[in-house]
Amino acid sequence: MKLYIYEHCPFCVKARMIFGLKNLPVELVVMLNDDEETPKRLIGQKMAPILQKQDGSAMPESMDIVHYIDRLEGEPLITGALNPAIADWLRHMNGYVNKLLLPRIAEAPFAEFATPEARDYFRNKKQASIGDFTELKSHAAG
């Protein structure tokens, strides 16, 4: 199986973790951030993570991937109920977290930014939705 990811993506981290917890092999494929063709070919839209199963079919959505892998072999490890209060808190905090993290992620040495075009693509897309990175960084030290 192949797991298409971005190294900076928390949803990709979720999908990667189940392979470690279940001690299952997976080939990690880090997509360049400006690569729209690969995810569109696999699932019809640009997003990550994407699991390409052994039969060649592809599955998006981190928790769908987690549950699929968790049920493949042995007893499932993820069995607890979801806590709606945590989901609500995460939704509420997401805007603040993005404004702190995304300007810094854009400067980090992640594989998805291996080309200047891939890094610019990320910067342009994210600044269009949350604001100028220089301005956002001026509001917090570091």
N, C-alpha and C. Protein backbone atom coordinates (compact mmCIF):
# COMPACT_ATOMS: atom_id res chain seq x y z
N MET A 1 0.84 -1.18 0.00
CA MET A 1 0.00 0.00 0.00
C MET A 1 0.88 1.24 0.00
N LYS A 2 0.31 2.32 -0.54
CA LYS A 2 0.99 3.61 -0.56
C LYS A 2 0.13 4.62 0.17
N LEU A 3 0.78 5.47 0.95
CA LEU A 3 0.09 6.55 1.62
C LEU A 3 0.68 7.86 1.11
N TYR A 4 -0.13 8.62 0.38
CA TYR A 4 0.27 9.91 -0.16
C TYR A 4 0.03 10.97 0.91
N ILE A 5 1.08 11.73 1.20
CA ILE A 5 1.02 12.65 2.35
C ILE A 5 1.72 13.97 2.05
N TYR A 6 1.54 14.90 2.99
CA TYR A 6 2.39 16.07 3.17
C TYR A 6 2.97 15.92 4.58
N GLU A 7 4.24 16.20 4.74
CA GLU A 7 4.87 16.03 6.05
C GLU A 7 4.30 17.00 7.09
N HIS A 8 3.84 18.17 6.68
CA HIS A 8 3.35 19.17 7.63
C HIS A 8 1.90 18.93 8.06
N CYS A 9 1.23 18.02 7.44
CA CYS A 9 -0.22 17.86 7.58
C CYS A 9 -0.59 17.00 8.80
N PRO A 10 -1.35 17.56 9.77
CA PRO A 10 -1.75 16.77 10.94
C PRO A 10 -2.67 15.61 10.59
N PHE A 11 -3.45 15.74 9.53
CA PHE A 11 -4.33 14.64 9.12
C PHE A 11 -3.49 13.49 8.56
N CYS A 12 -2.41 13.83 7.89
CA CYS A 12 -1.50 12.81 7.37
C CYS A 12 -0.80 12.08 8.52
N VAL A 13 -0.45 12.82 9.57
CA VAL A 13 0.16 12.20 10.75
C VAL A 13 -0.80 11.18 11.34
N LYS A 14 -2.08 11.55 11.44
CA LYS A 14 -3.09 10.61 11.95
C LYS A 14 -3.09 9.32 11.14
N ALA A 15 -3.11 9.46 9.82
CA ALA A 15 -3.16 8.29 8.95
C ALA A 15 -1.88 7.47 9.05
N ARG A 16 -0.75 8.10 9.22
CA ARG A 16 0.53 7.39 9.35
C ARG A 16 0.60 6.60 10.65
N MET A 17 0.06 7.15 11.72
CA MET A 17 0.19 6.53 13.04
C MET A 17 -0.39 5.14 13.12
N ILE A 18 -1.49 4.89 12.44
CA ILE A 18 -2.13 3.57 12.56
C ILE A 18 -1.23 2.47 12.00
N PHE A 19 -0.43 2.80 10.99
CA PHE A 19 0.50 1.80 10.45
C PHE A 19 1.54 1.42 11.49
N GLY A 20 2.02 2.39 12.24
CA GLY A 20 2.97 2.11 13.31
C GLY A 20 2.34 1.34 14.45
N LEU A 21 1.14 1.75 14.84
CA LEU A 21 0.44 1.07 15.93
C LEU A 21 0.14 -0.39 15.59
N LYS A 22 -0.18 -0.64 14.33
CA LYS A 22 -0.51 -2.01 13.89
C LYS A 22 0.72 -2.75 13.36
N ASN A 23 1.87 -2.07 13.33
CA ASN A 23 3.12 -2.65 12.82
C ASN A 23 2.94 -3.19 11.40
N LEU A 24 2.35 -2.36 10.55
CA LEU A 24 2.11 -2.72 9.15
C LEU A 24 2.97 -1.85 8.24
N PRO A 25 3.52 -2.45 7.20
CA PRO A 25 4.33 -1.66 6.28
C PRO A 25 3.47 -0.78 5.39
N VAL A 26 4.01 0.37 5.02
CA VAL A 26 3.35 1.26 4.08
C VAL A 26 4.43 2.06 3.37
N GLU A 27 4.24 2.30 2.09
CA GLU A 27 5.14 3.15 1.34
C GLU A 27 4.62 4.57 1.43
N LEU A 28 5.44 5.46 1.97
CA LEU A 28 5.05 6.87 2.07
C LEU A 28 5.47 7.60 0.80
N VAL A 29 4.55 8.36 0.24
CA VAL A 29 4.81 9.17 -0.94
C VAL A 29 4.49 10.61 -0.58
N VAL A 30 5.54 11.43 -0.47
CA VAL A 30 5.33 12.85 -0.17
C VAL A 30 5.10 13.56 -1.49
N MET A 31 3.93 14.14 -1.64
CA MET A 31 3.59 14.89 -2.85
C MET A 31 4.13 16.30 -2.73
N LEU A 32 4.60 16.85 -3.84
CA LEU A 32 4.93 18.28 -3.86
C LEU A 32 3.64 19.05 -3.63
N ASN A 33 3.72 20.16 -2.93
CA ASN A 33 2.50 20.88 -2.59
C ASN A 33 1.76 21.42 -3.80
N ASP A 34 2.46 21.68 -4.89
CA ASP A 34 1.79 22.17 -6.10
C ASP A 34 1.37 21.06 -7.05
N ASP A 35 1.51 19.81 -6.64
CA ASP A 35 1.10 18.67 -7.46
C ASP A 35 -0.42 18.47 -7.30
N GLU A 36 -1.17 19.03 -8.21
CA GLU A 36 -2.63 18.84 -8.19
C GLU A 36 -3.03 17.59 -8.95
N GLU A 37 -2.22 17.18 -9.91
CA GLU A 37 -2.57 16.07 -10.79
C GLU A 37 -2.68 14.74 -10.04
N THR A 38 -1.72 14.44 -9.17
CA THR A 38 -1.72 13.14 -8.48
C THR A 38 -2.98 12.93 -7.64
N PRO A 39 -3.30 13.84 -6.71
CA PRO A 39 -4.52 13.60 -5.92
C PRO A 39 -5.79 13.62 -6.77
N LYS A 40 -5.84 14.47 -7.78
CA LYS A 40 -7.04 14.50 -8.64
C LYS A 40 -7.19 13.18 -9.40
N ARG A 41 -6.08 12.62 -9.85
CA ARG A 41 -6.12 11.33 -10.54
C ARG A 41 -6.58 10.22 -9.60
N LEU A 42 -6.14 10.28 -8.35
CA LEU A 42 -6.47 9.22 -7.40
C LEU A 42 -7.87 9.34 -6.82
N ILE A 43 -8.29 10.56 -6.44
CA ILE A 43 -9.57 10.71 -5.74
C ILE A 43 -10.46 11.83 -6.28
N GLY A 44 -10.00 12.54 -7.32
CA GLY A 44 -10.84 13.56 -7.93
C GLY A 44 -10.70 14.95 -7.34
N GLN A 45 -9.86 15.13 -6.31
CA GLN A 45 -9.65 16.46 -5.74
C GLN A 45 -8.29 16.52 -5.06
N LYS A 46 -7.83 17.74 -4.82
CA LYS A 46 -6.53 17.92 -4.17
C LYS A 46 -6.73 17.89 -2.66
N MET A 47 -6.24 16.83 -2.06
CA MET A 47 -6.25 16.71 -0.61
C MET A 47 -5.29 15.60 -0.21
N ALA A 48 -4.97 15.55 1.06
CA ALA A 48 -4.13 14.50 1.61
C ALA A 48 -4.59 14.28 3.05
N PRO A 49 -4.42 13.07 3.54
CA PRO A 49 -3.75 11.91 2.98
C PRO A 49 -4.65 11.15 2.02
N ILE A 50 -3.99 10.30 1.24
CA ILE A 50 -4.69 9.39 0.34
C ILE A 50 -4.03 8.02 0.47
N LEU A 51 -4.82 7.02 0.75
CA LEU A 51 -4.32 5.65 0.80
C LEU A 51 -4.61 4.97 -0.53
N GLN A 52 -3.56 4.48 -1.17
CA GLN A 52 -3.75 3.64 -2.36
C GLN A 52 -3.64 2.20 -1.89
N LYS A 53 -4.76 1.50 -1.96
CA LYS A 53 -4.82 0.13 -1.47
C LYS A 53 -4.11 -0.83 -2.43
N GLN A 54 -3.94 -2.05 -1.98
CA GLN A 54 -3.25 -3.06 -2.78
C GLN A 54 -3.98 -3.35 -4.09
N ASP A 55 -5.30 -3.16 -4.12
CA ASP A 55 -6.06 -3.42 -5.36
C ASP A 55 -6.02 -2.23 -6.32
N GLY A 56 -5.29 -1.16 -5.93
CA GLY A 56 -5.16 0.02 -6.78
C GLY A 56 -6.18 1.10 -6.51
N SER A 57 -7.25 0.79 -5.78
CA SER A 57 -8.24 1.82 -5.45
C SER A 57 -7.65 2.78 -4.41
N ALA A 58 -8.24 3.96 -4.33
CA ALA A 58 -7.71 4.99 -3.44
C ALA A 58 -8.78 5.47 -2.47
N MET A 59 -8.34 5.83 -1.28
CA MET A 59 -9.24 6.27 -0.21
C MET A 59 -8.69 7.55 0.41
N PRO A 60 -9.51 8.63 0.48
CA PRO A 60 -9.09 9.83 1.20
C PRO A 60 -9.61 9.80 2.63
N GLU A 61 -9.41 10.88 3.33
CA GLU A 61 -9.92 11.11 4.68
C GLU A 61 -9.15 10.31 5.73
N SER A 62 -8.46 11.03 6.59
CA SER A 62 -7.57 10.40 7.56
C SER A 62 -8.27 9.37 8.45
N MET A 63 -9.41 9.70 9.01
CA MET A 63 -10.04 8.74 9.92
C MET A 63 -10.64 7.55 9.18
N ASP A 64 -11.06 7.73 7.93
CA ASP A 64 -11.49 6.58 7.14
C ASP A 64 -10.32 5.64 6.91
N ILE A 65 -9.15 6.21 6.63
CA ILE A 65 -7.94 5.41 6.45
C ILE A 65 -7.58 4.70 7.75
N VAL A 66 -7.62 5.42 8.86
CA VAL A 66 -7.31 4.82 10.16
C VAL A 66 -8.22 3.64 10.44
N HIS A 67 -9.51 3.81 10.26
CA HIS A 67 -10.45 2.72 10.56
C HIS A 67 -10.27 1.55 9.59
N TYR A 68 -10.02 1.83 8.33
CA TYR A 68 -9.80 0.77 7.35
C TYR A 68 -8.57 -0.08 7.73
N ILE A 69 -7.46 0.59 8.02
CA ILE A 69 -6.22 -0.12 8.37
C ILE A 69 -6.39 -0.84 9.72
N ASP A 70 -7.05 -0.19 10.65
CA ASP A 70 -7.24 -0.77 11.99
C ASP A 70 -8.01 -2.09 11.92
N ARG A 71 -8.89 -2.22 10.95
CA ARG A 71 -9.73 -3.42 10.84
C ARG A 71 -9.15 -4.49 9.91
N LEU A 72 -8.00 -4.19 9.27
CA LEU A 72 -7.43 -5.14 8.31
C LEU A 72 -6.97 -6.44 8.96
N GLU A 73 -6.21 -6.31 10.03
CA GLU A 73 -5.63 -7.49 10.67
C GLU A 73 -5.79 -7.39 12.18
N GLY A 74 -6.12 -8.51 12.80
CA GLY A 74 -6.21 -8.54 14.25
C GLY A 74 -7.36 -7.72 14.79
N GLU A 75 -7.34 -7.56 16.09
CA GLU A 75 -8.37 -6.78 16.77
C GLU A 75 -8.14 -5.29 16.54
N PRO A 76 -9.23 -4.55 16.31
CA PRO A 76 -9.08 -3.09 16.17
C PRO A 76 -8.50 -2.47 17.45
N LEU A 77 -7.65 -1.48 17.28
CA LEU A 77 -7.06 -0.76 18.41
C LEU A 77 -7.85 0.49 18.75
N ILE A 78 -8.51 1.07 17.76
CA ILE A 78 -9.26 2.32 17.95
C ILE A 78 -10.72 1.94 18.22
N THR A 79 -11.08 1.90 19.50
CA THR A 79 -12.41 1.40 19.85
C THR A 79 -13.24 2.37 20.68
N GLY A 80 -12.65 3.42 21.20
CA GLY A 80 -13.38 4.33 22.07
C GLY A 80 -14.33 5.24 21.31
N ALA A 81 -15.26 5.80 22.05
CA ALA A 81 -16.22 6.74 21.46
C ALA A 81 -15.55 8.09 21.25
N LEU A 82 -16.02 8.81 20.23
CA LEU A 82 -15.52 10.16 19.99
C LEU A 82 -16.09 11.10 21.04
N ASN A 83 -15.31 12.08 21.43
CA ASN A 83 -15.75 13.07 22.40
C ASN A 83 -16.12 14.34 21.65
N PRO A 84 -17.42 14.68 21.57
CA PRO A 84 -17.83 15.87 20.82
C PRO A 84 -17.24 17.17 21.37
N ALA A 85 -16.95 17.23 22.66
CA ALA A 85 -16.38 18.44 23.24
C ALA A 85 -14.98 18.70 22.68
N ILE A 86 -14.22 17.64 22.45
CA ILE A 86 -12.89 17.81 21.88
C ILE A 86 -13.00 18.27 20.43
N ALA A 87 -13.90 17.68 19.68
CA ALA A 87 -14.11 18.10 18.29
C ALA A 87 -14.52 19.57 18.22
N ASP A 88 -15.39 20.00 19.10
CA ASP A 88 -15.82 21.41 19.14
C ASP A 88 -14.64 22.32 19.46
N TRP A 89 -13.83 21.94 20.44
CA TRP A 89 -12.67 22.73 20.83
C TRP A 89 -11.69 22.84 19.66
N LEU A 90 -11.43 21.72 18.98
CA LEU A 90 -10.52 21.74 17.84
C LEU A 90 -11.03 22.66 16.73
N ARG A 91 -12.31 22.62 16.44
CA ARG A 91 -12.89 23.52 15.43
C ARG A 91 -12.71 24.98 15.84
N HIS A 92 -12.93 25.26 17.10
CA HIS A 92 -12.81 26.63 17.61
C HIS A 92 -11.36 27.11 17.54
N MET A 93 -10.41 26.28 17.89
CA MET A 93 -9.00 26.65 17.95
C MET A 93 -8.31 26.66 16.58
N ASN A 94 -8.89 25.99 15.61
CA ASN A 94 -8.25 25.81 14.31
C ASN A 94 -7.83 27.14 13.67
N GLY A 95 -8.66 28.15 13.71
CA GLY A 95 -8.33 29.43 13.11
C GLY A 95 -7.12 30.07 13.75
N TYR A 96 -7.04 30.00 15.07
CA TYR A 96 -5.88 30.56 15.78
C TYR A 96 -4.61 29.77 15.47
N VAL A 97 -4.74 28.47 15.51
CA VAL A 97 -3.58 27.60 15.26
C VAL A 97 -3.04 27.82 13.85
N ASN A 98 -3.93 27.88 12.86
CA ASN A 98 -3.48 28.09 11.49
C ASN A 98 -2.72 29.40 11.33
N LYS A 99 -3.19 30.46 11.99
CA LYS A 99 -2.52 31.76 11.87
C LYS A 99 -1.14 31.75 12.53
N LEU A 100 -0.94 30.90 13.51
CA LEU A 100 0.37 30.76 14.14
C LEU A 100 1.28 29.82 13.36
N LEU A 101 0.74 28.69 12.93
CA LEU A 101 1.57 27.65 12.33
C LEU A 101 1.86 27.82 10.84
N LEU A 102 0.86 28.15 10.06
CA LEU A 102 1.04 28.14 8.60
C LEU A 102 2.16 29.07 8.11
N PRO A 103 2.30 30.28 8.66
CA PRO A 103 3.43 31.11 8.21
C PRO A 103 4.79 30.46 8.50
N ARG A 104 4.87 29.71 9.56
CA ARG A 104 6.12 29.05 9.92
C ARG A 104 6.32 27.76 9.13
N ILE A 105 5.25 27.03 8.87
CA ILE A 105 5.32 25.83 8.04
C ILE A 105 5.84 26.19 6.66
N ALA A 106 5.40 27.33 6.14
CA ALA A 106 5.81 27.76 4.80
C ALA A 106 7.31 27.95 4.67
N GLU A 107 8.01 28.13 5.79
CA GLU A 107 9.45 28.33 5.78
C GLU A 107 10.23 27.07 6.13
N ALA A 108 9.54 26.03 6.55
CA ALA A 108 10.20 24.82 7.04
C ALA A 108 10.71 23.94 5.89
N PRO A 109 11.69 23.10 6.17
CA PRO A 109 12.30 22.26 5.13
C PRO A 109 11.54 20.94 4.89
N PHE A 110 10.24 21.02 4.70
CA PHE A 110 9.45 19.82 4.41
C PHE A 110 9.63 19.40 2.96
N ALA A 111 9.55 18.09 2.73
CA ALA A 111 9.75 17.54 1.38
C ALA A 111 8.73 18.07 0.37
N GLU A 112 7.53 18.39 0.81
CA GLU A 112 6.51 18.90 -0.12
C GLU A 112 6.84 20.29 -0.65
N PHE A 113 7.87 20.92 -0.08
CA PHE A 113 8.34 22.23 -0.54
C PHE A 113 9.72 22.13 -1.20
N ALA A 114 10.01 21.02 -1.83
CA ALA A 114 11.33 20.77 -2.42
C ALA A 114 11.65 21.68 -3.59
N THR A 115 10.62 22.28 -4.18
CA THR A 115 10.85 23.22 -5.28
C THR A 115 10.31 24.58 -4.86
N PRO A 116 10.88 25.66 -5.40
CA PRO A 116 10.34 26.99 -5.09
C PRO A 116 8.88 27.12 -5.50
N GLU A 117 8.50 26.48 -6.59
CA GLU A 117 7.10 26.55 -7.06
C GLU A 117 6.15 25.90 -6.06
N ALA A 118 6.56 24.79 -5.46
CA ALA A 118 5.71 24.11 -4.48
C ALA A 118 5.54 24.96 -3.23
N ARG A 119 6.64 25.59 -2.79
CA ARG A 119 6.56 26.46 -1.60
C ARG A 119 5.69 27.68 -1.89
N ASP A 120 5.87 28.29 -3.06
CA ASP A 120 5.06 29.46 -3.44
C ASP A 120 3.58 29.10 -3.54
N TYR A 121 3.30 27.92 -4.07
CA TYR A 121 1.92 27.46 -4.19
C TYR A 121 1.27 27.42 -2.81
N PHE A 122 1.96 26.82 -1.83
CA PHE A 122 1.46 26.74 -0.47
C PHE A 122 1.23 28.14 0.10
N ARG A 123 2.26 28.98 -0.01
CA ARG A 123 2.16 30.35 0.52
C ARG A 123 0.97 31.09 -0.07
N ASN A 124 0.87 31.07 -1.38
CA ASN A 124 -0.20 31.81 -2.05
C ASN A 124 -1.58 31.32 -1.65
N LYS A 125 -1.77 30.00 -1.61
CA LYS A 125 -3.08 29.43 -1.24
C LYS A 125 -3.45 29.79 0.20
N LYS A 126 -2.51 29.61 1.10
CA LYS A 126 -2.81 29.84 2.51
C LYS A 126 -2.96 31.32 2.84
N GLN A 127 -2.12 32.18 2.24
CA GLN A 127 -2.25 33.62 2.50
C GLN A 127 -3.59 34.14 1.97
N ALA A 128 -4.06 33.57 0.89
CA ALA A 128 -5.36 33.99 0.34
C ALA A 128 -6.48 33.69 1.33
N SER A 129 -6.33 32.67 2.14
CA SER A 129 -7.41 32.30 3.06
C SER A 129 -7.24 32.85 4.47
N ILE A 130 -5.98 33.04 4.94
CA ILE A 130 -5.82 33.49 6.34
C ILE A 130 -5.15 34.84 6.50
N GLY A 131 -4.54 35.35 5.43
CA GLY A 131 -3.88 36.65 5.52
C GLY A 131 -2.39 36.57 5.28
N ASP A 132 -1.78 37.75 5.17
CA ASP A 132 -0.36 37.87 4.88
C ASP A 132 0.49 37.25 6.00
N PHE A 133 1.40 36.36 5.61
CA PHE A 133 2.23 35.66 6.59
C PHE A 133 3.12 36.60 7.38
N THR A 134 3.69 37.59 6.74
CA THR A 134 4.57 38.54 7.45
C THR A 134 3.77 39.27 8.53
N GLU A 135 2.57 39.70 8.18
CA GLU A 135 1.71 40.39 9.14
C GLU A 135 1.34 39.45 10.28
N LEU A 136 0.95 38.23 9.98
CA LEU A 136 0.57 37.28 11.02
C LEU A 136 1.74 36.98 11.95
N LYS A 137 2.93 36.81 11.38
CA LYS A 137 4.10 36.53 12.22
C LYS A 137 4.47 37.71 13.11
N SER A 138 4.13 38.93 12.70
CA SER A 138 4.48 40.10 13.51
C SER A 138 3.71 40.15 14.83
N HIS A 139 2.65 39.38 14.94
CA HIS A 139 1.83 39.37 16.15
C HIS A 139 2.30 38.38 17.21
N ALA A 140 3.31 37.58 16.87
CA ALA A 140 3.81 36.59 17.82
C ALA A 140 5.33 36.50 17.71
N ALA A 141 5.97 36.33 18.82
CA ALA A 141 7.43 36.19 18.81
C ALA A 141 7.80 34.86 18.18
N GLY A 142 8.90 34.84 17.45
CA GLY A 142 9.45 33.59 16.92
C GLY A 142 8.92 33.18 15.67
